[in-house]
């Protein structure tokens, strides 16, 4: 296979690998956040049941879904808050990287053209 064709395939494979690892990381983070939220809600519910405050127990589901950040605890990781770049910006960045790599690498066509010119000059 020609290296001019396999390089974009390798770049796409690497990009998809990065996306898959990122997806796995986000799933793991989301799972941990959910588990922490469940443990916190369960602990609060157990505390309310032990205190036999039935009014607070009845309000527990509402408080679980409508938590305020007055405690200073954020339920989303700071990494997830960052704005994601637009699809156009990502594609343009990938194309710039690809064009830069292709411009830096000597292509097989340029080498063959140089050889043909040298053999033509040698015959003349």
C-alpha atoms as a PDB file:
ATOM      1  CA  UNK A   1       0.000   0.000   0.000  1.00  0.00           C
ATOM      2  CA  UNK A   2       1.065   3.538  -0.647  1.00  0.00           C
ATOM      3  CA  UNK A   3       2.098   5.473   2.462  1.00  0.00           C
ATOM      4  CA  UNK A   4       0.109   8.514   1.257  1.00  0.00           C
ATOM      5  CA  UNK A   5      -3.061   6.452   1.685  1.00  0.00           C
ATOM      6  CA  UNK A   6      -2.205   4.643   4.915  1.00  0.00           C
ATOM      7  CA  UNK A   7      -1.281   7.788   6.859  1.00  0.00           C
ATOM      8  CA  UNK A   8      -4.857   9.210   6.895  1.00  0.00           C
ATOM      9  CA  UNK A   9      -6.143   5.780   7.903  1.00  0.00           C
ATOM     10  CA  UNK A  10      -3.702   5.662  10.806  1.00  0.00           C
ATOM     11  CA  UNK A  11      -4.721   9.195  11.811  1.00  0.00           C
ATOM     12  CA  UNK A  12      -8.417   8.226  11.771  1.00  0.00           C
ATOM     13  CA  UNK A  13      -7.681   5.066  13.761  1.00  0.00           C
ATOM     14  CA  UNK A  14      -5.782   7.087  16.366  1.00  0.00           C
ATOM     15  CA  UNK A  15      -8.598   9.650  16.565  1.00  0.00           C
ATOM     16  CA  UNK A  16     -11.226   6.940  17.056  1.00  0.00           C
ATOM     17  CA  UNK A  17      -9.037   5.337  19.718  1.00  0.00           C
ATOM     18  CA  UNK A  18      -8.871   8.643  21.583  1.00  0.00           C
ATOM     19  CA  UNK A  19     -12.646   9.056  21.321  1.00  0.00           C
ATOM     20  CA  UNK A  20     -13.265   5.547  22.647  1.00  0.00           C
ATOM     21  CA  UNK A  21     -10.910   6.061  25.599  1.00  0.00           C
ATOM     22  CA  UNK A  22     -12.560   9.425  26.344  1.00  0.00           C
ATOM     23  CA  UNK A  23     -16.006   7.829  26.228  1.00  0.00           C
ATOM     24  CA  UNK A  24     -14.883   5.093  28.608  1.00  0.00           C
ATOM     25  CA  UNK A  25     -13.411   7.706  30.958  1.00  0.00           C
ATOM     26  CA  UNK A  26     -16.630   9.767  30.948  1.00  0.00           C
ATOM     27  CA  UNK A  27     -18.707   6.654  31.618  1.00  0.00           C
ATOM     28  CA  UNK A  28     -16.467   5.793  34.571  1.00  0.00           C
ATOM     29  CA  UNK A  29     -16.669   9.333  35.952  1.00  0.00           C
ATOM     30  CA  UNK A  30     -20.452   9.371  35.527  1.00  0.00           C
ATOM     31  CA  UNK A  31     -20.783   6.029  37.265  1.00  0.00           C
ATOM     32  CA  UNK A  32     -18.677   7.213  40.204  1.00  0.00           C
ATOM     33  CA  UNK A  33     -20.697  10.414  40.517  1.00  0.00           C
ATOM     34  CA  UNK A  34     -23.943   8.426  40.518  1.00  0.00           C
ATOM     35  CA  UNK A  35     -22.603   6.008  43.124  1.00  0.00           C
ATOM     36  CA  UNK A  36     -21.475   8.898  45.334  1.00  0.00           C
ATOM     37  CA  UNK A  37     -24.876  10.553  44.965  1.00  0.00           C
ATOM     38  CA  UNK A  38     -26.658   7.311  45.833  1.00  0.00           C
ATOM     39  CA  UNK A  39     -24.475   6.790  48.905  1.00  0.00           C
ATOM     40  CA  UNK A  40     -25.054  10.378  50.045  1.00  0.00           C
ATOM     41  CA  UNK A  41     -28.821  10.121  49.557  1.00  0.00           C
ATOM     42  CA  UNK A  42     -28.927   6.770  51.337  1.00  0.00           C
ATOM     43  CA  UNK A  43     -26.943   8.171  54.281  1.00  0.00           C
ATOM     44  CA  UNK A  44     -29.258  11.182  54.523  1.00  0.00           C
ATOM     45  CA  UNK A  45     -32.336   8.945  54.355  1.00  0.00           C
ATOM     46  CA  UNK A  46     -30.961   6.639  57.054  1.00  0.00           C
ATOM     47  CA  UNK A  47     -30.245   9.641  59.288  1.00  0.00           C
ATOM     48  CA  UNK A  48     -33.790  10.958  58.798  1.00  0.00           C
ATOM     49  CA  UNK A  49     -35.296   7.516  59.518  1.00  0.00           C
ATOM     50  CA  UNK A  50     -33.252   7.190  62.711  1.00  0.00           C
ATOM     51  CA  UNK A  51     -34.443  10.617  63.830  1.00  0.00           C
ATOM     52  CA  UNK A  52     -38.030   9.625  62.906  1.00  0.00           C
ATOM     53  CA  UNK A  53     -38.586  12.922  61.133  1.00  0.00           C
ATOM     54  CA  UNK A  54     -41.288  11.725  58.737  1.00  0.00           C
ATOM     55  CA  UNK A  55     -41.815  15.139  57.185  1.00  0.00           C
ATOM     56  CA  UNK A  56     -38.127  15.331  56.234  1.00  0.00           C
ATOM     57  CA  UNK A  57     -38.312  11.730  54.992  1.00  0.00           C
ATOM     58  CA  UNK A  58     -41.228  12.632  52.718  1.00  0.00           C
ATOM     59  CA  UNK A  59     -39.236  15.579  51.320  1.00  0.00           C
ATOM     60  CA  UNK A  60     -36.051  13.518  50.753  1.00  0.00           C
ATOM     61  CA  UNK A  61     -36.803  12.591  47.099  1.00  0.00           C
ATOM     62  CA  UNK A  62     -37.382  16.233  46.224  1.00  0.00           C
ATOM     63  CA  UNK A  63     -34.153  17.260  47.936  1.00  0.00           C
ATOM     64  CA  UNK A  64     -32.249  14.516  46.137  1.00  0.00           C
ATOM     65  CA  UNK A  65     -33.236  15.937  42.746  1.00  0.00           C
ATOM     66  CA  UNK A  66     -33.090  19.623  43.650  1.00  0.00           C
ATOM     67  CA  UNK A  67     -29.825  19.966  45.522  1.00  0.00           C
ATOM     68  CA  UNK A  68     -28.429  23.431  45.868  1.00  0.00           C
ATOM     69  CA  UNK A  69     -24.719  24.108  45.734  1.00  0.00           C
ATOM     70  CA  UNK A  70     -24.809  26.130  48.939  1.00  0.00           C
ATOM     71  CA  UNK A  71     -22.572  23.525  50.571  1.00  0.00           C
ATOM     72  CA  UNK A  72     -19.895  24.283  48.009  1.00  0.00           C
ATOM     73  CA  UNK A  73     -20.070  20.723  46.702  1.00  0.00           C
ATOM     74  CA  UNK A  74     -20.425  20.452  42.961  1.00  0.00           C
ATOM     75  CA  UNK A  75     -22.002  17.315  41.560  1.00  0.00           C
ATOM     76  CA  UNK A  76     -20.238  17.664  38.228  1.00  0.00           C
ATOM     77  CA  UNK A  77     -16.497  17.366  37.796  1.00  0.00           C
ATOM     78  CA  UNK A  78     -14.735  20.599  36.752  1.00  0.00           C
ATOM     79  CA  UNK A  79     -13.449  18.904  33.595  1.00  0.00           C
ATOM     80  CA  UNK A  80     -16.989  18.314  32.345  1.00  0.00           C
ATOM     81  CA  UNK A  81     -17.855  21.999  32.752  1.00  0.00           C
ATOM     82  CA  UNK A  82     -15.387  23.134  30.094  1.00  0.00           C
ATOM     83  CA  UNK A  83     -16.971  24.164  26.811  1.00  0.00           C
ATOM     84  CA  UNK A  84     -16.527  21.606  24.087  1.00  0.00           C
ATOM     85  CA  UNK A  85     -15.116  22.923  20.817  1.00  0.00           C
ATOM     86  CA  UNK A  86     -17.423  23.031  17.828  1.00  0.00           C
ATOM     87  CA  UNK A  87     -17.362  20.202  15.310  1.00  0.00           C
ATOM     88  CA  UNK A  88     -16.082  22.569  12.618  1.00  0.00           C
ATOM     89  CA  UNK A  89     -13.124  23.617  14.799  1.00  0.00           C
ATOM     90  CA  UNK A  90     -12.233  19.983  15.505  1.00  0.00           C
ATOM     91  CA  UNK A  91     -12.411  19.051  11.805  1.00  0.00           C
ATOM     92  CA  UNK A  92     -10.342  22.092  10.804  1.00  0.00           C
ATOM     93  CA  UNK A  93      -7.720  21.245  13.416  1.00  0.00           C
ATOM     94  CA  UNK A  94      -7.534  17.638  12.194  1.00  0.00           C
ATOM     95  CA  UNK A  95      -7.202  18.799   8.575  1.00  0.00           C
ATOM     96  CA  UNK A  96      -4.428  21.243   9.503  1.00  0.00           C
ATOM     97  CA  UNK A  97      -2.584  18.441  11.285  1.00  0.00           C
ATOM     98  CA  UNK A  98      -3.031  16.112   8.318  1.00  0.00           C
ATOM     99  CA  UNK A  99      -1.877  18.710   5.766  1.00  0.00           C
ATOM    100  CA  UNK A 100       1.116  19.622   7.907  1.00  0.00           C
ATOM    101  CA  UNK A 101       2.152  15.987   8.256  1.00  0.00           C
ATOM    102  CA  UNK A 102       1.709  15.324   4.556  1.00  0.00           C
ATOM    103  CA  UNK A 103       3.686  18.433   3.639  1.00  0.00           C
ATOM    104  CA  UNK A 104       6.523  17.423   5.966  1.00  0.00           C
ATOM    105  CA  UNK A 105       6.731  13.819   4.715  1.00  0.00           C
ATOM    106  CA  UNK A 106       8.325  13.216   1.317  1.00  0.00           C
ATOM    107  CA  UNK A 107       5.748  11.604  -0.904  1.00  0.00           C
ATOM    108  CA  UNK A 108       6.447   8.622  -3.122  1.00  0.00           C
ATOM    109  CA  UNK A 109       5.283  10.593  -6.179  1.00  0.00           C
ATOM    110  CA  UNK A 110       7.848  13.336  -5.566  1.00  0.00           C
ATOM    111  CA  UNK A 111      10.618  10.758  -5.192  1.00  0.00           C
ATOM    112  CA  UNK A 112       9.561   8.974  -8.391  1.00  0.00           C
ATOM    113  CA  UNK A 113       9.333  12.282 -10.272  1.00  0.00           C
ATOM    114  CA  UNK A 114      12.832  13.187  -9.097  1.00  0.00           C
ATOM    115  CA  UNK A 115      14.182   9.809 -10.233  1.00  0.00           C
ATOM    116  CA  UNK A 116      12.525  10.118 -13.653  1.00  0.00           C
ATOM    117  CA  UNK A 117      13.963  13.604 -14.120  1.00  0.00           C
ATOM    118  CA  UNK A 118      17.434  12.373 -13.138  1.00  0.00           C
ATOM    119  CA  UNK A 119      17.290   9.421 -15.551  1.00  0.00           C
ATOM    120  CA  UNK A 120      16.008  11.682 -18.340  1.00  0.00           C
ATOM    121  CA  UNK A 121      18.872  14.111 -17.750  1.00  0.00           C
ATOM    122  CA  UNK A 122      21.337  11.219 -17.691  1.00  0.00           C
ATOM    123  CA  UNK A 123      20.119   9.940 -21.071  1.00  0.00           C
ATOM    124  CA  UNK A 124      20.264  13.390 -22.680  1.00  0.00           C
END
